[in-house]
Amino acid sequence: MVGSEWDDLFGVRVEALVSAQQDVFLPRAREVLDLNYGSAGTLVLKDPRVSLLSPLWRTALEQAGCAVNFVIMVRDPLEVAQSIAARDGSPDSASMMVWLSHMLAIERDTRGFSRVFIRYTDLLKDWRSVVARLGPALPAPSEIAAAEISNYLSASARHHAVDADVWAGRPDVLPGVIDAWRWFEKAATGTEPDPSALDRVLQDVMALNACLGPALQRRRDDESRQRAGLLSLLGDQERANLRLRAQVGEYSAARASLAERADELDQRLTRALDELAATRVALQAAEAVAAAERAGAEHARQVHDAAMTAAERQATGLAVALQQQTEHAACLADERDSTEDRARSAEAEIARLQSKLDAMTSSTSWALTRPVRVIQKRLGRSGKPDGHS
């Protein structure tokens, strides 16, 4: 919105442009603080771009009720340039100009406020001494935090290290860079030199901006338009890619749905085949049972028929026997009746004979002949034949 980016060679000019639109940027800065820090008691805001906008952030922090303390890191500008070159491939001369703009802006805009300059090398060597220099601005870390800091900060974190004598005589280094580097090195020892030296460097930078700024700005605008065009094309391509991905996603979803449907049909077919096989087995078993039942029924019928035939024969035999018994009984009845008749006749005859005997024995002749009968009985007992004397 102010025509500048992080790699602006003359970023030191940005603060004036931002201050002119503070009513626009300040509420947004407050929103960023509320979103990221809320009601935290201690806020640490670390971003190299803050160097170009420190008045804006200071005002936002003060409005949030914070006591603002500035910690300004001092690092060899060529090391910074080599780090940027490793990341973006930028030339050292341009990167050192960027470093110079950031350092001039932060020094200018923090004069008269609580601030401490520390060297990057000192932080790596003995961070506890550096923290002690900050005083109450930064509370002492806990033992756990101290151990984590010690593990994080080490000489191995310094990926680019150079000697001052190596770059001080380079023709692509603006003299103001060397002067500013010496000033900040001195300030990092705890004693700030006369800031007028930096004011002169700032004047030289602003003079260069007056000479080269319009051309660089035009080039930057051209690059911005090209970038905007590329971003637009990229956006179109990204939207096309999104549509393609959406179509691919729909195709994949449809294919997955079809595959799922096919799997479901396969499972249903498998279940149907299993059920058909089970039904066939059950039918075969039922047929076997039916056949067995039919065979059993036939056998039972045959047994029943045989039993009926036997029963009929037995019934016939019983009927014949009953007829015979009936006839025999009739015969017996007839014979009984005849026997009873004979018995009655015999009884009558016996009665007649008894009556005749009684009459005879009661007669006089019977009494007279009694001795003769006695002799006859005796002769009969002696074994002599009847009729012999």
Protein backbone atom coordinates (compact mmCIF):
# COMPACT_ATOMS: atom_id res chain seq x y z
CA MET A 1 0.00 0.00 0.00
CA VAL A 2 3.03 2.32 0.34
CA GLY A 3 4.96 0.97 -2.64
CA SER A 4 7.62 -0.95 -0.72
CA GLU A 5 8.65 -4.51 0.05
CA TRP A 6 11.12 -6.15 2.39
CA ASP A 7 14.01 -5.86 -0.09
CA ASP A 8 13.49 -2.14 -0.74
CA LEU A 9 16.98 -0.57 -0.93
CA PHE A 10 15.54 2.64 0.46
CA GLY A 11 13.11 1.18 2.98
CA VAL A 12 14.15 3.86 5.46
CA ARG A 13 11.70 6.19 3.69
CA VAL A 14 8.69 3.97 4.44
CA GLU A 15 7.98 5.27 7.93
CA ALA A 16 6.94 8.68 6.66
CA LEU A 17 4.55 7.07 4.18
CA VAL A 18 3.02 4.87 6.88
CA SER A 19 2.68 7.78 9.34
CA ALA A 20 0.67 9.64 6.71
CA GLN A 21 -1.86 6.77 6.76
CA GLN A 22 -1.66 5.92 10.45
CA ASP A 23 -5.43 6.04 10.86
CA VAL A 24 -5.61 3.13 8.38
CA PHE A 25 -2.67 1.04 9.62
CA LEU A 26 -2.91 1.56 13.39
CA PRO A 27 -6.25 -0.28 13.88
CA ARG A 28 -4.92 -3.19 11.83
CA ALA A 29 -1.77 -3.30 13.98
CA ARG A 30 -3.94 -3.41 17.11
CA GLU A 31 -5.94 -6.31 15.62
CA VAL A 32 -2.72 -8.23 14.95
CA LEU A 33 -1.60 -7.75 18.55
CA ASP A 34 -4.96 -8.81 19.98
CA LEU A 35 -5.13 -11.84 17.70
CA ASN A 36 -1.62 -13.09 18.43
CA TYR A 37 -1.04 -12.06 22.06
CA GLY A 38 -4.41 -11.40 23.66
CA SER A 39 -3.93 -10.48 27.32
CA ALA A 40 -0.37 -11.82 27.66
CA GLY A 41 1.71 -10.04 30.27
CA THR A 42 4.91 -10.00 28.20
CA LEU A 43 4.90 -9.58 24.42
CA VAL A 44 7.90 -10.32 22.21
CA LEU A 45 7.52 -8.98 18.68
CA LYS A 46 10.35 -10.25 16.47
CA ASP A 47 10.36 -9.38 12.77
CA PRO A 48 13.08 -7.58 10.76
CA ARG A 49 10.40 -5.56 8.98
CA VAL A 50 9.41 -4.04 12.32
CA SER A 51 12.63 -2.02 11.95
CA LEU A 52 10.97 0.05 9.19
CA LEU A 53 7.67 0.46 11.07
CA SER A 54 8.71 0.81 14.70
CA PRO A 55 6.72 4.06 15.35
CA LEU A 56 3.52 2.34 14.23
CA TRP A 57 4.08 -0.71 16.43
CA ARG A 58 5.24 1.42 19.37
CA THR A 59 2.02 3.42 19.24
CA ALA A 60 -0.08 0.25 18.96
CA LEU A 61 1.71 -1.34 21.94
CA GLU A 62 1.40 1.81 24.05
CA GLN A 63 -2.31 1.97 23.30
CA ALA A 64 -2.50 -1.67 24.46
CA GLY A 65 -0.95 -0.58 27.78
CA CYS A 66 2.50 -2.07 27.16
CA ALA A 67 5.83 -0.58 28.25
CA VAL A 68 7.90 -0.72 25.06
CA ASN A 69 11.55 -1.78 25.06
CA PHE A 70 13.59 -2.14 21.87
CA VAL A 71 16.24 -4.84 21.49
CA ILE A 72 18.27 -4.12 18.35
CA MET A 73 20.30 -7.01 16.99
CA VAL A 74 23.66 -6.06 15.46
CA ARG A 75 25.09 -8.48 12.93
CA ASP A 76 27.81 -8.17 10.34
CA PRO A 77 26.06 -6.83 7.18
CA LEU A 78 28.04 -9.18 4.92
CA GLU A 79 26.90 -12.17 6.99
CA VAL A 80 23.36 -10.89 6.58
CA ALA A 81 23.93 -10.50 2.83
CA GLN A 82 25.31 -14.03 2.52
CA SER A 83 22.34 -15.41 4.45
CA ILE A 84 19.93 -13.58 2.09
CA ALA A 85 21.93 -14.73 -0.94
CA ALA A 86 21.70 -18.34 0.24
CA ARG A 87 17.94 -17.95 0.50
CA ASP A 88 17.04 -15.71 -2.46
CA GLY A 89 20.19 -15.38 -4.53
CA SER A 90 20.28 -11.59 -4.07
CA PRO A 91 23.65 -9.81 -4.69
CA ASP A 92 25.62 -8.81 -1.62
CA SER A 93 25.62 -5.09 -2.49
CA ALA A 94 21.81 -4.93 -2.64
CA SER A 95 21.38 -7.00 0.53
CA MET A 96 23.80 -4.77 2.46
CA MET A 97 21.84 -1.71 1.31
CA VAL A 98 18.71 -3.36 2.64
CA TRP A 99 20.52 -4.01 5.93
CA LEU A 100 21.60 -0.38 6.04
CA SER A 101 18.04 0.94 5.49
CA HIS A 102 16.64 -1.26 8.25
CA MET A 103 19.39 -0.35 10.74
CA LEU A 104 19.20 3.40 9.99
CA ALA A 105 15.41 3.34 10.37
CA ILE A 106 15.36 1.50 13.69
CA GLU A 107 18.11 3.68 15.17
CA ARG A 108 16.44 6.90 14.04
CA ASP A 109 12.96 5.93 15.24
CA THR A 110 14.01 4.60 18.67
CA ARG A 111 16.10 7.56 19.83
CA GLY A 112 14.92 8.73 23.21
CA PHE A 113 13.20 5.40 23.97
CA SER A 114 14.30 2.38 26.01
CA ARG A 115 16.62 0.39 23.79
CA VAL A 116 19.57 -2.03 23.93
CA PHE A 117 22.01 -2.95 21.15
CA ILE A 118 23.37 -6.51 21.27
CA ARG A 119 25.73 -8.33 18.97
CA TYR A 120 24.61 -11.54 17.33
CA THR A 121 27.92 -13.21 18.16
CA ASP A 122 27.53 -12.32 21.86
CA LEU A 123 24.07 -13.88 21.89
CA LEU A 124 25.47 -17.15 20.55
CA LYS A 125 28.44 -17.16 22.93
CA ASP A 126 26.75 -16.20 26.20
CA TRP A 127 23.01 -15.57 25.95
CA ARG A 128 22.63 -15.30 29.74
CA SER A 129 24.86 -12.21 29.83
CA VAL A 130 22.83 -10.72 26.99
CA VAL A 131 19.55 -11.37 28.82
CA ALA A 132 21.02 -9.83 31.96
CA ARG A 133 21.70 -6.65 29.98
CA LEU A 134 18.02 -6.43 29.07
CA GLY A 135 17.09 -5.97 32.73
CA PRO A 136 13.39 -6.00 33.61
CA ALA A 137 12.41 -5.71 29.94
CA LEU A 138 12.59 -9.49 29.67
CA PRO A 139 11.89 -11.73 32.69
CA ALA A 140 14.52 -14.34 33.56
CA PRO A 141 13.64 -17.68 31.94
CA SER A 142 12.84 -20.78 33.95
CA GLU A 143 15.35 -23.62 34.20
CA ILE A 144 13.47 -25.61 31.57
CA ALA A 145 13.34 -22.64 29.23
CA ALA A 146 17.04 -21.90 29.89
CA ALA A 147 17.96 -25.46 28.91
CA GLU A 148 15.93 -25.16 25.72
CA ILE A 149 17.57 -21.81 24.90
CA SER A 150 21.05 -23.29 25.45
CA ASN A 151 20.24 -26.17 23.11
CA TYR A 152 18.86 -23.80 20.50
CA LEU A 153 21.55 -21.11 20.60
CA SER A 154 24.98 -22.36 19.63
CA ALA A 155 27.84 -21.48 17.35
CA SER A 156 26.44 -23.97 14.83
CA ALA A 157 23.48 -21.63 14.32
CA ARG A 158 25.88 -19.12 12.73
CA HIS A 159 25.90 -20.39 9.16
CA HIS A 160 27.74 -17.40 7.71
CA ALA A 161 30.75 -15.79 9.38
CA VAL A 162 33.20 -13.29 7.87
CA ASP A 163 36.08 -11.12 9.01
CA ALA A 164 35.57 -7.38 8.89
CA ASP A 165 38.86 -6.89 7.03
CA VAL A 166 37.62 -9.13 4.23
CA TRP A 167 34.68 -6.98 3.15
CA ALA A 168 35.69 -3.53 4.32
CA GLY A 169 37.64 -2.84 1.13
CA ARG A 170 35.14 -4.27 -1.35
CA PRO A 171 34.22 -1.84 -4.16
CA ASP A 172 30.57 -2.96 -4.17
CA VAL A 173 30.08 -1.89 -0.55
CA LEU A 174 28.71 1.61 0.04
CA PRO A 175 30.97 3.51 2.46
CA GLY A 176 27.94 4.32 4.58
CA VAL A 177 27.54 0.62 5.27
CA ILE A 178 31.01 0.47 6.79
CA ASP A 179 30.40 3.61 8.87
CA ALA A 180 27.07 2.32 10.14
CA TRP A 181 28.55 -1.09 10.95
CA ARG A 182 31.29 0.51 13.05
CA TRP A 183 28.74 2.71 14.84
CA PHE A 184 26.49 -0.24 15.75
CA GLU A 185 29.46 -2.36 16.81
CA LYS A 186 30.38 0.39 19.27
CA ALA A 187 26.81 0.79 20.47
CA ALA A 188 26.62 -2.95 21.17
CA THR A 189 29.38 -2.58 23.76
CA GLY A 190 27.04 -0.46 25.87
CA THR A 191 28.20 3.01 24.82
CA GLU A 192 26.33 4.72 21.98
CA PRO A 193 28.52 6.92 19.76
CA ASP A 194 27.38 10.34 18.46
CA PRO A 195 24.33 9.61 16.24
CA SER A 196 25.25 12.44 13.90
CA ALA A 197 27.48 9.98 12.01
CA LEU A 198 24.39 7.92 11.22
CA ASP A 199 22.50 11.08 10.30
CA ARG A 200 25.10 11.80 7.62
CA VAL A 201 24.81 8.25 6.30
CA LEU A 202 21.02 8.65 6.30
CA GLN A 203 21.34 11.88 4.29
CA ASP A 204 23.53 10.05 1.74
CA VAL A 205 20.99 7.24 1.49
CA MET A 206 18.13 9.68 1.03
CA ALA A 207 20.18 11.50 -1.64
CA LEU A 208 20.69 8.21 -3.45
CA ASN A 209 16.97 7.58 -3.11
CA ALA A 210 16.27 10.96 -4.73
CA CYS A 211 18.56 10.04 -7.63
CA LEU A 212 17.85 6.35 -8.04
CA GLY A 213 14.54 5.94 -6.25
CA PRO A 214 12.24 6.95 -9.12
CA ALA A 215 14.00 4.62 -11.54
CA LEU A 216 14.02 1.79 -9.02
CA GLN A 217 10.41 2.52 -8.15
CA ARG A 218 9.45 2.42 -11.82
CA ARG A 219 11.26 -0.84 -12.20
CA ARG A 220 9.64 -2.09 -9.03
CA ASP A 221 6.23 -1.00 -10.34
CA ASP A 222 6.92 -2.79 -13.61
CA GLU A 223 7.94 -5.86 -11.69
CA SER A 224 4.85 -5.49 -9.52
CA ARG A 225 2.64 -5.32 -12.60
CA GLN A 226 4.43 -8.28 -14.09
CA ARG A 227 4.13 -10.08 -10.82
CA ALA A 228 0.46 -9.14 -10.63
CA GLY A 229 0.00 -10.42 -14.18
CA LEU A 230 1.85 -13.60 -13.33
CA LEU A 231 -0.15 -13.94 -10.15
CA SER A 232 -3.32 -13.42 -12.17
CA LEU A 233 -2.21 -16.09 -14.62
CA LEU A 234 -1.17 -18.23 -11.73
CA GLY A 235 -4.55 -17.62 -10.15
CA ASP A 236 -6.30 -18.58 -13.38
CA GLN A 237 -4.11 -21.64 -13.61
CA GLU A 238 -4.74 -22.44 -9.99
CA ARG A 239 -8.49 -22.05 -10.50
CA ALA A 240 -8.24 -24.27 -13.56
CA ASN A 241 -6.24 -26.72 -11.49
CA LEU A 242 -8.85 -26.52 -8.77
CA ARG A 243 -11.57 -27.25 -11.31
CA LEU A 244 -9.55 -30.14 -12.68
CA ARG A 245 -8.89 -31.39 -9.17
CA ALA A 246 -12.59 -31.02 -8.44
CA GLN A 247 -13.40 -32.98 -11.59
CA VAL A 248 -10.78 -35.55 -10.70
CA GLY A 249 -12.24 -35.66 -7.23
CA GLU A 250 -15.72 -36.12 -8.65
CA TYR A 251 -14.42 -38.81 -11.01
CA SER A 252 -12.57 -40.46 -8.17
CA ALA A 253 -15.66 -40.23 -6.00
CA ALA A 254 -17.79 -41.65 -8.82
CA ARG A 255 -15.27 -44.40 -9.44
CA ALA A 256 -15.11 -45.10 -5.73
CA SER A 257 -18.91 -45.14 -5.63
CA LEU A 258 -19.01 -47.51 -8.61
CA ALA A 259 -16.35 -49.67 -7.01
CA GLU A 260 -18.31 -49.64 -3.78
CA ARG A 261 -21.48 -50.48 -5.70
CA ALA A 262 -19.67 -53.26 -7.56
CA ASP A 263 -18.37 -54.60 -4.27
CA GLU A 264 -21.87 -54.43 -2.85
CA LEU A 265 -23.27 -56.27 -5.89
CA ASP A 266 -20.48 -58.84 -5.63
CA GLN A 267 -21.31 -59.33 -1.99
CA ARG A 268 -25.02 -59.60 -2.75
CA LEU A 269 -24.29 -62.06 -5.58
CA THR A 270 -22.04 -64.07 -3.28
CA ARG A 271 -24.74 -64.09 -0.61
CA ALA A 272 -27.35 -65.08 -3.25
CA LEU A 273 -25.13 -67.90 -4.51
CA ASP A 274 -24.50 -69.02 -0.96
CA GLU A 275 -28.23 -68.90 -0.24
CA LEU A 276 -28.94 -70.78 -3.50
CA ALA A 277 -26.38 -73.43 -2.59
CA ALA A 278 -27.83 -73.64 0.91
CA THR A 279 -31.33 -73.90 -0.59
CA ARG A 280 -30.16 -76.63 -2.97
CA VAL A 281 -28.61 -78.53 -0.07
CA ALA A 282 -31.76 -78.05 1.99
CA LEU A 283 -33.90 -79.16 -0.98
CA GLN A 284 -31.75 -82.25 -1.45
CA ALA A 285 -32.03 -82.95 2.24
CA ALA A 286 -35.80 -82.41 2.07
CA GLU A 287 -36.01 -84.72 -0.93
CA ALA A 288 -33.98 -87.32 0.93
CA VAL A 289 -36.27 -86.93 3.95
CA ALA A 290 -39.32 -87.12 1.70
CA ALA A 291 -37.93 -90.22 0.00
CA ALA A 292 -37.22 -91.73 3.38
CA GLU A 293 -40.69 -90.78 4.53
CA ARG A 294 -42.18 -92.25 1.36
CA ALA A 295 -40.16 -95.44 1.87
CA GLY A 296 -41.23 -95.49 5.50
CA ALA A 297 -44.83 -94.87 4.52
CA GLU A 298 -44.66 -97.67 1.91
CA HIS A 299 -43.15 -99.98 4.47
CA ALA A 300 -45.75 -98.92 7.00
CA ARG A 301 -48.47 -99.49 4.37
CA GLN A 302 -47.07 -102.91 3.61
CA VAL A 303 -46.84 -103.69 7.32
CA HIS A 304 -50.35 -102.33 7.77
CA ASP A 305 -51.63 -104.36 4.82
CA ALA A 306 -49.89 -107.46 6.16
CA ALA A 307 -51.30 -106.72 9.59
CA MET A 308 -54.74 -106.18 8.08
CA THR A 309 -54.46 -109.40 6.11
CA ALA A 310 -53.31 -111.26 9.21
CA ALA A 311 -56.05 -109.56 11.20
CA GLU A 312 -58.59 -110.51 8.57
CA ARG A 313 -57.31 -114.11 8.54
CA GLN A 314 -57.33 -114.09 12.32
CA ALA A 315 -60.78 -112.56 12.32
CA THR A 316 -61.89 -115.19 9.82
CA GLY A 317 -60.31 -117.91 11.95
CA LEU A 318 -61.90 -116.41 15.03
CA ALA A 319 -65.21 -116.23 13.23
CA VAL A 320 -64.87 -119.88 12.18
CA ALA A 321 -63.73 -120.83 15.67
CA LEU A 322 -66.60 -118.79 17.09
CA GLN A 323 -68.98 -120.55 14.72
CA GLN A 324 -67.50 -123.86 15.72
CA GLN A 325 -67.67 -122.92 19.39
CA THR A 326 -71.21 -121.78 18.85
CA GLU A 327 -72.08 -125.00 17.12
CA HIS A 328 -70.17 -126.98 19.76
CA ALA A 329 -71.92 -125.02 22.44
CA ALA A 330 -75.19 -125.79 20.71
CA CYS A 331 -74.20 -129.44 20.56
CA LEU A 332 -73.14 -129.33 24.18
CA ALA A 333 -76.42 -127.70 25.03
CA ASP A 334 -78.27 -130.37 23.12
CA GLU A 335 -76.09 -133.03 24.73
CA ARG A 336 -76.62 -131.42 28.12
CA ASP A 337 -80.31 -131.37 27.55
CA SER A 338 -80.18 -135.07 26.46
CA THR A 339 -77.92 -135.91 29.42
CA GLU A 340 -80.25 -134.05 31.74
CA ASP A 341 -83.13 -136.02 30.24
CA ARG A 342 -81.19 -139.29 30.67
CA ALA A 343 -80.14 -138.20 34.15
CA ARG A 344 -83.76 -137.52 35.02
CA SER A 345 -84.68 -140.85 33.51
CA ALA A 346 -81.83 -142.55 35.42
CA GLU A 347 -82.85 -140.81 38.62
CA ALA A 348 -86.38 -141.92 38.03
CA GLU A 349 -85.16 -145.42 37.33
CA ILE A 350 -82.93 -145.35 40.40
CA ALA A 351 -85.80 -144.06 42.44
CA ARG A 352 -87.94 -146.79 41.01
CA LEU A 353 -85.28 -149.42 41.70
CA GLN A 354 -84.63 -147.97 45.18
CA SER A 355 -88.29 -148.15 45.86
CA LYS A 356 -88.36 -151.66 44.58
CA LEU A 357 -85.25 -152.51 46.68
CA ASP A 358 -86.72 -150.94 49.70
CA ALA A 359 -89.83 -152.98 49.14
CA MET A 360 -87.84 -156.13 48.65
CA THR A 361 -85.63 -155.67 51.72
CA SER A 362 -88.53 -154.91 53.86
CA SER A 363 -90.28 -158.10 52.72
CA THR A 364 -90.47 -161.33 54.82
CA SER A 365 -88.74 -163.41 52.19
CA TRP A 366 -85.75 -161.07 52.32
CA ALA A 367 -85.43 -161.51 56.03
CA LEU A 368 -85.69 -165.35 55.73
CA THR A 369 -82.99 -165.53 53.10
CA ARG A 370 -80.55 -163.35 55.03
CA PRO A 371 -78.42 -166.23 56.33
CA VAL A 372 -77.96 -167.54 52.81
CA ARG A 373 -76.70 -164.15 51.70
CA VAL A 374 -74.25 -164.00 54.55
CA ILE A 375 -72.79 -167.36 53.62
CA GLN A 376 -72.53 -166.32 50.01
CA LYS A 377 -70.60 -163.15 51.02
CA ARG A 378 -68.18 -165.17 53.12
CA LEU A 379 -67.68 -167.69 50.37
CA GLY A 380 -67.02 -164.86 48.08
CA ARG A 381 -64.31 -163.47 50.47
CA SER A 382 -62.58 -166.93 50.81
CA GLY A 383 -61.78 -167.00 47.14
CA LYS A 384 -63.95 -169.78 46.09
CA PRO A 385 -65.72 -169.35 42.87
CA ASP A 386 -69.21 -168.23 42.89
CA GLY A 387 -71.59 -171.22 42.54
CA HIS A 388 -69.21 -173.69 44.27
CA SER A 389 -69.85 -174.96 47.87
